[in-house]
PDB file of N, CA and C in Angstrom:
ATOM      1  N   MET A   1      22.804 -10.411  53.001  1.00  0.00           N
ATOM      2  CA  MET A   1      22.388 -11.731  53.413  1.00  0.00           C
ATOM      3  C   MET A   1      23.487 -12.320  54.298  1.00  0.00           C
ATOM      4  N   THR A   2      23.127 -12.822  55.462  1.00  0.00           N
ATOM      5  CA  THR A   2      24.099 -13.404  56.372  1.00  0.00           C
ATOM      6  C   THR A   2      24.468 -14.813  55.927  1.00  0.00           C
ATOM      7  N   ALA A   3      25.528 -15.360  56.542  1.00  0.00           N
ATOM      8  CA  ALA A   3      25.957 -16.715  56.195  1.00  0.00           C
ATOM      9  C   ALA A   3      24.871 -17.735  56.508  1.00  0.00           C
ATOM     10  N   ILE A   4      24.153 -17.557  57.607  1.00  0.00           N
ATOM     11  CA  ILE A   4      23.065 -18.485  57.959  1.00  0.00           C
ATOM     12  C   ILE A   4      21.947 -18.399  56.942  1.00  0.00           C
ATOM     13  N   GLU A   5      21.584 -17.181  56.526  1.00  0.00           N
ATOM     14  CA  GLU A   5      20.540 -17.014  55.513  1.00  0.00           C
ATOM     15  C   GLU A   5      20.951 -17.651  54.196  1.00  0.00           C
ATOM     16  N   ARG A   6      22.234 -17.647  53.893  1.00  0.00           N
ATOM     17  CA  ARG A   6      22.700 -18.243  52.641  1.00  0.00           C
ATOM     18  C   ARG A   6      22.543 -19.756  52.640  1.00  0.00           C
ATOM     19  N   ARG A   7      22.640 -20.382  53.797  1.00  0.00           N
ATOM     20  CA  ARG A   7      22.538 -21.838  53.863  1.00  0.00           C
ATOM     21  C   ARG A   7      21.104 -22.338  53.812  1.00  0.00           C
ATOM     22  N   ALA A   8      20.167 -21.568  54.308  1.00  0.00           N
ATOM     23  CA  ALA A   8      18.771 -22.003  54.365  1.00  0.00           C
ATOM     24  C   ALA A   8      18.042 -21.585  53.096  1.00  0.00           C
ATOM     25  N   ALA A   9      17.304 -22.522  52.515  1.00  0.00           N
ATOM     26  CA  ALA A   9      16.488 -22.175  51.350  1.00  0.00           C
ATOM     27  C   ALA A   9      15.407 -21.202  51.795  1.00  0.00           C
ATOM     28  N   ARG A  10      15.107 -20.239  50.959  1.00  0.00           N
ATOM     29  CA  ARG A  10      14.059 -19.278  51.265  1.00  0.00           C
ATOM     30  C   ARG A  10      13.004 -19.350  50.179  1.00  0.00           C
ATOM     31  N   LEU A  11      11.747 -19.246  50.594  1.00  0.00           N
ATOM     32  CA  LEU A  11      10.616 -19.340  49.678  1.00  0.00           C
ATOM     33  C   LEU A  11       9.760 -18.086  49.772  1.00  0.00           C
ATOM     34  N   TRP A  12       9.350 -17.602  48.620  1.00  0.00           N
ATOM     35  CA  TRP A  12       8.369 -16.521  48.531  1.00  0.00           C
ATOM     36  C   TRP A  12       7.169 -17.084  47.798  1.00  0.00           C
ATOM     37  N   ARG A  13       5.975 -16.885  48.340  1.00  0.00           N
ATOM     38  CA  ARG A  13       4.777 -17.455  47.712  1.00  0.00           C
ATOM     39  C   ARG A  13       3.662 -16.422  47.712  1.00  0.00           C
ATOM     40  N   ILE A  14       2.942 -16.399  46.612  1.00  0.00           N
ATOM     41  CA  ILE A  14       1.770 -15.534  46.489  1.00  0.00           C
ATOM     42  C   ILE A  14       0.696 -16.330  45.761  1.00  0.00           C
ATOM     43  N   ARG A  15      -0.532 -16.106  46.129  1.00  0.00           N
ATOM     44  CA  ARG A  15      -1.654 -16.772  45.475  1.00  0.00           C
ATOM     45  C   ARG A  15      -2.375 -15.785  44.567  1.00  0.00           C
ATOM     46  N   VAL A  16      -2.627 -16.221  43.339  1.00  0.00           N
ATOM     47  CA  VAL A  16      -3.375 -15.410  42.379  1.00  0.00           C
ATOM     48  C   VAL A  16      -4.853 -15.679  42.631  1.00  0.00           C
ATOM     49  N   PRO A  17      -5.598 -14.702  43.114  1.00  0.00           N
ATOM     50  CA  PRO A  17      -7.013 -14.950  43.412  1.00  0.00           C
ATOM     51  C   PRO A  17      -7.862 -15.047  42.158  1.00  0.00           C
ATOM     52  N   GLY A  18      -9.017 -15.688  42.334  1.00  0.00           N
ATOM     53  CA  GLY A  18     -10.002 -15.718  41.261  1.00  0.00           C
ATOM     54  C   GLY A  18      -9.786 -16.776  40.208  1.00  0.00           C
ATOM     55  N   THR A  19      -8.774 -17.615  40.366  1.00  0.00           N
ATOM     56  CA  THR A  19      -8.574 -18.691  39.408  1.00  0.00           C
ATOM     57  C   THR A  19      -8.876 -20.014  40.103  1.00  0.00           C
ATOM     58  N   LEU A  20      -9.644 -20.834  39.470  1.00  0.00           N
ATOM     59  CA  LEU A  20     -10.107 -22.098  40.031  1.00  0.00           C
ATOM     60  C   LEU A  20     -10.822 -21.836  41.360  1.00  0.00           C
ATOM     61  N   LEU A  21     -10.705 -22.736  42.315  1.00  0.00           N
ATOM     62  CA  LEU A  21     -11.410 -22.562  43.581  1.00  0.00           C
ATOM     63  C   LEU A  21     -10.587 -21.803  44.613  1.00  0.00           C
ATOM     64  N   THR A  22      -9.310 -22.129  44.709  1.00  0.00           N
ATOM     65  CA  THR A  22      -8.486 -21.526  45.756  1.00  0.00           C
ATOM     66  C   THR A  22      -7.426 -20.590  45.208  1.00  0.00           C
ATOM     67  N   GLY A  23      -7.329 -20.441  43.935  1.00  0.00           N
ATOM     68  CA  GLY A  23      -6.296 -19.600  43.343  1.00  0.00           C
ATOM     69  C   GLY A  23      -5.099 -20.438  42.928  1.00  0.00           C
ATOM     70  N   THR A  24      -4.208 -19.820  42.204  1.00  0.00           N
ATOM     71  CA  THR A  24      -2.995 -20.477  41.736  1.00  0.00           C
ATOM     72  C   THR A  24      -1.824 -19.964  42.552  1.00  0.00           C
ATOM     73  N   ALA A  25      -1.035 -20.871  43.098  1.00  0.00           N
ATOM     74  CA  ALA A  25       0.150 -20.474  43.850  1.00  0.00           C
ATOM     75  C   ALA A  25       1.305 -20.231  42.891  1.00  0.00           C
ATOM     76  N   VAL A  26       2.024 -19.149  43.124  1.00  0.00           N
ATOM     77  CA  VAL A  26       3.261 -18.862  42.413  1.00  0.00           C
ATOM     78  C   VAL A  26       4.346 -18.802  43.483  1.00  0.00           C
ATOM     79  N   THR A  27       5.386 -19.619  43.315  1.00  0.00           N
ATOM     80  CA  THR A  27       6.421 -19.747  44.335  1.00  0.00           C
ATOM     81  C   THR A  27       7.795 -19.522  43.715  1.00  0.00           C
ATOM     82  N   VAL A  28       8.635 -18.808  44.452  1.00  0.00           N
ATOM     83  CA  VAL A  28      10.035 -18.636  44.077  1.00  0.00           C
ATOM     84  C   VAL A  28      10.873 -19.175  45.223  1.00  0.00           C
ATOM     85  N   ARG A  29      11.852 -20.008  44.897  1.00  0.00           N
ATOM     86  CA  ARG A  29      12.758 -20.570  45.899  1.00  0.00           C
ATOM     87  C   ARG A  29      14.166 -20.086  45.591  1.00  0.00           C
ATOM     88  N   LEU A  30      14.881 -19.670  46.627  1.00  0.00           N
ATOM     89  CA  LEU A  30      16.272 -19.253  46.496  1.00  0.00           C
ATOM     90  C   LEU A  30      17.124 -20.146  47.373  1.00  0.00           C
ATOM     91  N   ASP A  31      18.089 -20.814  46.765  1.00  0.00           N
ATOM     92  CA  ASP A  31      19.109 -21.572  47.486  1.00  0.00           C
ATOM     93  C   ASP A  31      20.421 -20.847  47.245  1.00  0.00           C
ATOM     94  N   ALA A  32      21.007 -20.333  48.301  1.00  0.00           N
ATOM     95  CA  ALA A  32      22.243 -19.578  48.148  1.00  0.00           C
ATOM     96  C   ALA A  32      23.306 -20.109  49.101  1.00  0.00           C
ATOM     97  N   SER A  33      24.505 -20.215  48.605  1.00  0.00           N
ATOM     98  CA  SER A  33      25.646 -20.609  49.427  1.00  0.00           C
ATOM     99  C   SER A  33      26.686 -19.493  49.326  1.00  0.00           C
ATOM    100  N   GLU A  34      27.824 -19.723  49.908  1.00  0.00           N
ATOM    101  CA  GLU A  34      28.890 -18.717  49.853  1.00  0.00           C
ATOM    102  C   GLU A  34      29.404 -18.517  48.425  1.00  0.00           C
ATOM    103  N   ILE A  35      29.262 -19.547  47.579  1.00  0.00           N
ATOM    104  CA  ILE A  35      29.864 -19.462  46.243  1.00  0.00           C
ATOM    105  C   ILE A  35      28.863 -19.515  45.098  1.00  0.00           C
ATOM    106  N   ASP A  36      27.613 -19.878  45.376  1.00  0.00           N
ATOM    107  CA  ASP A  36      26.652 -20.056  44.284  1.00  0.00           C
ATOM    108  C   ASP A  36      25.241 -19.757  44.779  1.00  0.00           C
ATOM    109  N   ALA A  37      24.379 -19.407  43.867  1.00  0.00           N
ATOM    110  CA  ALA A  37      22.960 -19.208  44.185  1.00  0.00           C
ATOM    111  C   ALA A  37      22.140 -19.687  42.995  1.00  0.00           C
ATOM    112  N   ARG A  38      21.031 -20.359  43.297  1.00  0.00           N
ATOM    113  CA  ARG A  38      20.104 -20.819  42.268  1.00  0.00           C
ATOM    114  C   ARG A  38      18.702 -20.443  42.678  1.00  0.00           C
ATOM    115  N   MET A  39      17.857 -20.250  41.684  1.00  0.00           N
ATOM    116  CA  MET A  39      16.457 -19.938  41.933  1.00  0.00           C
ATOM    117  C   MET A  39      15.591 -20.897  41.145  1.00  0.00           C
ATOM    118  N   TRP A  40      14.389 -21.126  41.659  1.00  0.00           N
ATOM    119  CA  TRP A  40      13.384 -21.920  40.972  1.00  0.00           C
ATOM    120  C   TRP A  40      12.082 -21.146  41.010  1.00  0.00           C
ATOM    121  N   VAL A  41      11.337 -21.195  39.922  1.00  0.00           N
ATOM    122  CA  VAL A  41      10.008 -20.590  39.854  1.00  0.00           C
ATOM    123  C   VAL A  41       9.019 -21.711  39.604  1.00  0.00           C
ATOM    124  N   ALA A  42       7.938 -21.728  40.377  1.00  0.00           N
ATOM    125  CA  ALA A  42       6.890 -22.728  40.199  1.00  0.00           C
ATOM    126  C   ALA A  42       5.554 -22.020  40.110  1.00  0.00           C
ATOM    127  N   VAL A  43       4.734 -22.429  39.151  1.00  0.00           N
ATOM    128  CA  VAL A  43       3.387 -21.880  38.988  1.00  0.00           C
ATOM    129  C   VAL A  43       2.413 -23.037  39.066  1.00  0.00           C
ATOM    130  N   GLY A  44       1.493 -22.984  40.032  1.00  0.00           N
ATOM    131  CA  GLY A  44       0.511 -24.047  40.192  1.00  0.00           C
ATOM    132  C   GLY A  44       1.034 -25.183  41.040  1.00  0.00           C
ATOM    133  N   ALA A  45       0.200 -26.198  41.162  1.00  0.00           N
ATOM    134  CA  ALA A  45       0.538 -27.359  41.986  1.00  0.00           C
ATOM    135  C   ALA A  45       1.402 -28.338  41.204  1.00  0.00           C
ATOM    136  N   GLY A  46       1.945 -29.296  41.907  1.00  0.00           N
ATOM    137  CA  GLY A  46       2.745 -30.312  41.251  1.00  0.00           C
ATOM    138  C   GLY A  46       4.216 -29.990  41.297  1.00  0.00           C
ATOM    139  N   HIS A  47       4.953 -30.625  40.426  1.00  0.00           N
ATOM    140  CA  HIS A  47       6.405 -30.513  40.451  1.00  0.00           C
ATOM    141  C   HIS A  47       6.939 -29.746  39.250  1.00  0.00           C
ATOM    142  N   ARG A  48       6.172 -28.797  38.751  1.00  0.00           N
ATOM    143  CA  ARG A  48       6.627 -28.003  37.604  1.00  0.00           C
ATOM    144  C   ARG A  48       7.458 -26.831  38.123  1.00  0.00           C
ATOM    145  N   ARG A  49       8.773 -26.993  38.118  1.00  0.00           N
ATOM    146  CA  ARG A  49       9.669 -25.942  38.571  1.00  0.00           C
ATOM    147  C   ARG A  49      10.639 -25.592  37.457  1.00  0.00           C
ATOM    148  N   LEU A  50      10.895 -24.329  37.299  1.00  0.00           N
ATOM    149  CA  LEU A  50      11.852 -23.867  36.303  1.00  0.00           C
ATOM    150  C   LEU A  50      13.102 -23.377  37.032  1.00  0.00           C
ATOM    151  N   PRO A  51      14.230 -24.072  36.882  1.00  0.00           N
ATOM    152  CA  PRO A  51      15.458 -23.604  37.527  1.00  0.00           C
ATOM    153  C   PRO A  51      16.038 -22.422  36.759  1.00  0.00           C
ATOM    154  N   LEU A  52      16.554 -21.449  37.494  1.00  0.00           N
ATOM    155  CA  LEU A  52      17.135 -20.254  36.891  1.00  0.00           C
ATOM    156  C   LEU A  52      18.435 -19.890  37.603  1.00  0.00           C
ATOM    157  N   SER A  53      19.422 -19.450  36.841  1.00  0.00           N
ATOM    158  CA  SER A  53      20.589 -18.834  37.463  1.00  0.00           C
ATOM    159  C   SER A  53      20.173 -17.440  37.907  1.00  0.00           C
ATOM    160  N   ILE A  54      20.990 -16.791  38.687  1.00  0.00           N
ATOM    161  CA  ILE A  54      20.656 -15.430  39.130  1.00  0.00           C
ATOM    162  C   ILE A  54      20.551 -14.495  37.922  1.00  0.00           C
ATOM    163  N   GLY A  55      21.443 -14.621  36.963  1.00  0.00           N
ATOM    164  CA  GLY A  55      21.368 -13.796  35.758  1.00  0.00           C
ATOM    165  C   GLY A  55      20.090 -14.028  34.969  1.00  0.00           C
ATOM    166  N   GLU A  56      19.701 -15.288  34.833  1.00  0.00           N
ATOM    167  CA  GLU A  56      18.456 -15.608  34.131  1.00  0.00           C
ATOM    168  C   GLU A  56      17.248 -15.052  34.884  1.00  0.00           C
ATOM    169  N   ALA A  57      17.268 -15.132  36.218  1.00  0.00           N
ATOM    170  CA  ALA A  57      16.155 -14.594  37.016  1.00  0.00           C
ATOM    171  C   ALA A  57      16.027 -13.087  36.812  1.00  0.00           C
ATOM    172  N   TRP A  58      17.163 -12.382  36.788  1.00  0.00           N
ATOM    173  CA  TRP A  58      17.108 -10.941  36.537  1.00  0.00           C
ATOM    174  C   TRP A  58      16.569 -10.640  35.138  1.00  0.00           C
ATOM    175  N   ALA A  59      16.946 -11.440  34.155  1.00  0.00           N
ATOM    176  CA  ALA A  59      16.453 -11.227  32.792  1.00  0.00           C
ATOM    177  C   ALA A  59      14.939 -11.441  32.726  1.00  0.00           C
ATOM    178  N   VAL A  60      14.421 -12.485  33.384  1.00  0.00           N
ATOM    179  CA  VAL A  60      12.975 -12.732  33.419  1.00  0.00           C
ATOM    180  C   VAL A  60      12.273 -11.571  34.123  1.00  0.00           C
ATOM    181  N   PHE A  61      12.833 -11.120  35.235  1.00  0.00           N
ATOM    182  CA  PHE A  61      12.275  -9.990  35.979  1.00  0.00           C
ATOM    183  C   PHE A  61      12.177  -8.749  35.086  1.00  0.00           C
ATOM    184  N   LYS A  62      13.240  -8.449  34.375  1.00  0.00           N
ATOM    185  CA  LYS A  62      13.274  -7.277  33.496  1.00  0.00           C
ATOM    186  C   LYS A  62      12.249  -7.398  32.371  1.00  0.00           C
ATOM    187  N   LEU A  63      12.206  -8.543  31.707  1.00  0.00           N
ATOM    188  CA  LEU A  63      11.298  -8.709  30.575  1.00  0.00           C
ATOM    189  C   LEU A  63       9.833  -8.734  31.009  1.00  0.00           C
ATOM    190  N   LEU A  64       9.530  -9.410  32.120  1.00  0.00           N
ATOM    191  CA  LEU A  64       8.152  -9.402  32.617  1.00  0.00           C
ATOM    192  C   LEU A  64       7.736  -7.990  33.025  1.00  0.00           C
ATOM    193  N   GLY A  65       8.642  -7.255  33.666  1.00  0.00           N
ATOM    194  CA  GLY A  65       8.337  -5.886  34.060  1.00  0.00           C
ATOM    195  C   GLY A  65       8.024  -5.006  32.854  1.00  0.00           C
ATOM    196  N   GLU A  66       8.833  -5.131  31.816  1.00  0.00           N
ATOM    197  CA  GLU A  66       8.598  -4.346  30.599  1.00  0.00           C
ATOM    198  C   GLU A  66       7.273  -4.713  29.944  1.00  0.00           C
ATOM    199  N   ALA A  67       6.996  -6.018  29.866  1.00  0.00           N
ATOM    200  CA  ALA A  67       5.752  -6.466  29.232  1.00  0.00           C
ATOM    201  C   ALA A  67       4.535  -6.074  30.068  1.00  0.00           C
ATOM    202  N   LEU A  68       4.625  -6.218  31.381  1.00  0.00           N
ATOM    203  CA  LEU A  68       3.492  -5.876  32.243  1.00  0.00           C
ATOM    204  C   LEU A  68       3.232  -4.382  32.302  1.00  0.00           C
ATOM    205  N   ASP A  69       4.245  -3.596  32.043  1.00  0.00           N
ATOM    206  CA  ASP A  69       4.086  -2.142  32.081  1.00  0.00           C
ATOM    207  C   ASP A  69       3.021  -1.658  31.102  1.00  0.00           C
ATOM    208  N   VAL A  70       2.849  -2.351  30.000  1.00  0.00           N
ATOM    209  CA  VAL A  70       1.864  -1.929  29.000  1.00  0.00           C
ATOM    210  C   VAL A  70       0.445  -2.388  29.339  1.00  0.00           C
ATOM    211  N   THR A  71       0.299  -3.246  30.365  1.00  0.00           N
ATOM    212  CA  THR A  71      -1.033  -3.763  30.705  1.00  0.00           C
ATOM    213  C   THR A  71      -1.788  -2.887  31.701  1.00  0.00           C
ATOM    214  N   GLY A  72      -1.142  -1.871  32.248  1.00  0.00           N
ATOM    215  CA  GLY A  72      -1.819  -0.991  33.196  1.00  0.00           C
ATOM    216  C   GLY A  72      -1.331  -1.187  34.615  1.00  0.00           C
ATOM    217  N   ASP A  73      -2.112  -0.693  35.572  1.00  0.00           N
ATOM    218  CA  ASP A  73      -1.741  -0.765  36.978  1.00  0.00           C
ATOM    219  C   ASP A  73      -1.785  -2.205  37.492  1.00  0.00           C
ATOM    220  N   PRO A  74      -0.903  -2.525  38.443  1.00  0.00           N
ATOM    221  CA  PRO A  74      -0.911  -3.884  38.993  1.00  0.00           C
ATOM    222  C   PRO A  74      -2.149  -4.134  39.849  1.00  0.00           C
ATOM    223  N   PRO A  75      -2.593  -5.393  39.925  1.00  0.00           N
ATOM    224  CA  PRO A  75      -3.748  -5.711  40.775  1.00  0.00           C
ATOM    225  C   PRO A  75      -3.388  -5.560  42.253  1.00  0.00           C
ATOM    226  N   ALA A  76      -4.391  -5.439  43.079  1.00  0.00           N
ATOM    227  CA  ALA A  76      -4.204  -5.186  44.509  1.00  0.00           C
ATOM    228  C   ALA A  76      -3.414  -6.291  45.204  1.00  0.00           C
ATOM    229  N   PHE A  77      -3.591  -7.553  44.796  1.00  0.00           N
ATOM    230  CA  PHE A  77      -2.936  -8.639  45.524  1.00  0.00           C
ATOM    231  C   PHE A  77      -1.412  -8.626  45.398  1.00  0.00           C
ATOM    232  N   VAL A  78      -0.842  -7.892  44.460  1.00  0.00           N
ATOM    233  CA  VAL A  78       0.617  -7.831  44.340  1.00  0.00           C
ATOM    234  C   VAL A  78       1.209  -6.582  44.977  1.00  0.00           C
ATOM    235  N   ARG A  79       0.381  -5.747  45.528  1.00  0.00           N
ATOM    236  CA  ARG A  79       0.876  -4.499  46.127  1.00  0.00           C
ATOM    237  C   ARG A  79       1.377  -4.659  47.555  1.00  0.00           C
ATOM    238  N   SER A  80       1.008  -5.741  48.231  1.00  0.00           N
ATOM    239  CA  SER A  80       1.467  -5.936  49.607  1.00  0.00           C
ATOM    240  C   SER A  80       2.765  -6.732  49.616  1.00  0.00           C
ATOM    241  N   PRO A  81       3.632  -6.467  50.593  1.00  0.00           N
ATOM    242  CA  PRO A  81       4.910  -7.181  50.664  1.00  0.00           C
ATOM    243  C   PRO A  81       4.712  -8.683  50.888  1.00  0.00           C
ATOM    244  N   VAL A  82       5.644  -9.473  50.388  1.00  0.00           N
ATOM    245  CA  VAL A  82       5.630 -10.917  50.584  1.00  0.00           C
ATOM    246  C   VAL A  82       6.821 -11.253  51.476  1.00  0.00           C
ATOM    247  N   THR A  83       6.556 -11.895  52.588  1.00  0.00           N
ATOM    248  CA  THR A  83       7.608 -12.252  53.532  1.00  0.00           C
ATOM    249  C   THR A  83       8.131 -13.649  53.209  1.00  0.00           C
ATOM    250  N   PRO A  84       9.462 -13.798  53.050  1.00  0.00           N
ATOM    251  CA  PRO A  84       9.989 -15.122  52.748  1.00  0.00           C
ATOM    252  C   PRO A  84       9.920 -16.037  53.963  1.00  0.00           C
ATOM    253  N   THR A  85       9.835 -17.324  53.679  1.00  0.00           N
ATOM    254  CA  THR A  85       9.866 -18.342  54.726  1.00  0.00           C
ATOM    255  C   THR A  85      11.046 -19.269  54.465  1.00  0.00           C
ATOM    256  N   SER A  86      11.369 -20.096  55.431  1.00  0.00           N
ATOM    257  CA  SER A  86      12.454 -21.039  55.245  1.00  0.00           C
ATOM    258  C   SER A  86      11.955 -22.441  54.954  1.00  0.00           C
ATOM    259  N   LYS A  87      10.658 -22.598  54.752  1.00  0.00           N
ATOM    260  CA  LYS A  87      10.107 -23.916  54.422  1.00  0.00           C
ATOM    261  C   LYS A  87       9.403 -23.854  53.113  1.00  0.00           C
TER     262      LYS A  87
END
Protein backbone atom coordinates (compact mmCIF):
# COMPACT_ATOMS: atom_id res chain seq x y z
CA MET A 1 0.00 0.00 0.00
CA THR A 2 1.45 3.38 -0.98
CA ALA A 3 1.51 6.44 1.28
CA ILE A 4 -1.32 8.03 -0.73
CA GLU A 5 -3.44 4.87 -0.44
CA ARG A 6 -2.86 4.90 3.31
CA ARG A 7 -4.31 8.39 3.66
CA ALA A 8 -7.49 7.79 1.66
CA ALA A 9 -10.27 5.71 3.16
CA ARG A 10 -11.07 2.70 1.02
CA LEU A 11 -14.45 0.98 0.81
CA TRP A 12 -15.39 -2.49 -0.36
CA ARG A 13 -19.10 -3.13 -0.91
CA ILE A 14 -21.12 -6.13 -2.00
CA ARG A 15 -24.86 -6.58 -2.20
CA VAL A 16 -26.50 -9.79 -0.99
CA PRO A 17 -29.15 -10.57 -3.61
CA GLY A 18 -32.60 -11.90 -2.89
CA THR A 19 -33.18 -10.12 0.40
CA LEU A 20 -35.87 -7.46 0.56
CA LEU A 21 -36.31 -5.54 -2.70
CA THR A 22 -32.79 -4.43 -3.58
CA GLY A 23 -30.65 -6.69 -1.42
CA THR A 24 -28.62 -5.96 1.68
CA ALA A 25 -25.39 -4.00 1.35
CA VAL A 26 -22.35 -5.23 3.25
CA THR A 27 -19.56 -2.66 3.44
CA VAL A 28 -16.03 -2.73 4.80
CA ARG A 29 -14.11 0.52 5.29
CA LEU A 30 -10.35 0.72 5.84
CA ASP A 31 -8.72 3.86 7.20
CA ALA A 32 -4.97 3.45 7.26
CA SER A 33 -2.20 5.86 8.13
CA GLU A 34 1.54 5.44 8.47
CA ILE A 35 1.14 4.37 12.11
CA ASP A 36 -2.37 2.94 12.51
CA ALA A 37 -5.18 1.23 10.63
CA ARG A 38 -8.83 0.74 11.56
CA MET A 39 -11.64 -1.12 9.88
CA TRP A 40 -15.41 -0.86 10.07
CA VAL A 41 -17.98 -3.42 8.97
CA ALA A 42 -21.53 -2.35 8.15
CA VAL A 43 -24.46 -4.61 7.26
CA GLY A 44 -27.60 -2.99 5.87
CA ALA A 45 -28.62 0.63 5.73
CA GLY A 46 -28.24 3.20 8.45
CA HIS A 47 -25.39 3.91 10.78
CA ARG A 48 -24.78 0.43 12.20
CA ARG A 49 -21.00 0.10 11.95
CA LEU A 50 -18.76 -2.19 13.93
CA PRO A 51 -15.25 -0.79 14.43
CA LEU A 52 -12.46 -3.37 14.37
CA SER A 53 -8.72 -3.29 14.87
CA ILE A 54 -6.71 -5.12 12.22
CA GLY A 55 -6.21 -8.04 14.62
CA GLU A 56 -9.93 -8.23 15.36
CA ALA A 57 -10.72 -8.11 11.62
CA TRP A 58 -8.38 -11.05 11.00
CA ALA A 59 -10.01 -12.99 13.85
CA VAL A 60 -13.51 -12.37 12.40
CA PHE A 61 -12.24 -13.39 8.95
CA LYS A 62 -10.78 -16.63 10.33
CA LEU A 63 -13.85 -17.57 12.38
CA LEU A 64 -16.35 -16.76 9.62
CA GLY A 65 -14.25 -18.76 7.16
CA GLU A 66 -14.19 -21.77 9.47
CA ALA A 67 -17.93 -21.56 10.15
CA LEU A 68 -18.85 -21.02 6.49
CA ASP A 69 -16.70 -23.95 5.42
CA VAL A 70 -19.28 -26.36 6.85
CA THR A 71 -22.16 -24.75 4.91
CA GLY A 72 -20.97 -25.85 1.47
CA ASP A 73 -19.86 -23.99 -1.64
CA PRO A 74 -20.05 -20.19 -1.68
CA PRO A 75 -22.86 -18.53 -3.66
CA ALA A 76 -22.08 -17.08 -7.08
CA PHE A 77 -22.29 -13.43 -5.99
CA VAL A 78 -19.18 -13.76 -3.79
CA ARG A 79 -17.01 -15.41 -6.42
CA SER A 80 -16.28 -12.25 -8.41
CA PRO A 81 -13.63 -9.77 -7.26
CA VAL A 82 -14.71 -6.62 -5.41
CA THR A 83 -12.88 -3.45 -6.40
CA PRO A 84 -12.32 -0.93 -3.60
CA THR A 85 -13.38 2.68 -3.99
CA SER A 86 -12.25 5.81 -2.21
CA LYS A 87 -15.76 7.05 -1.46
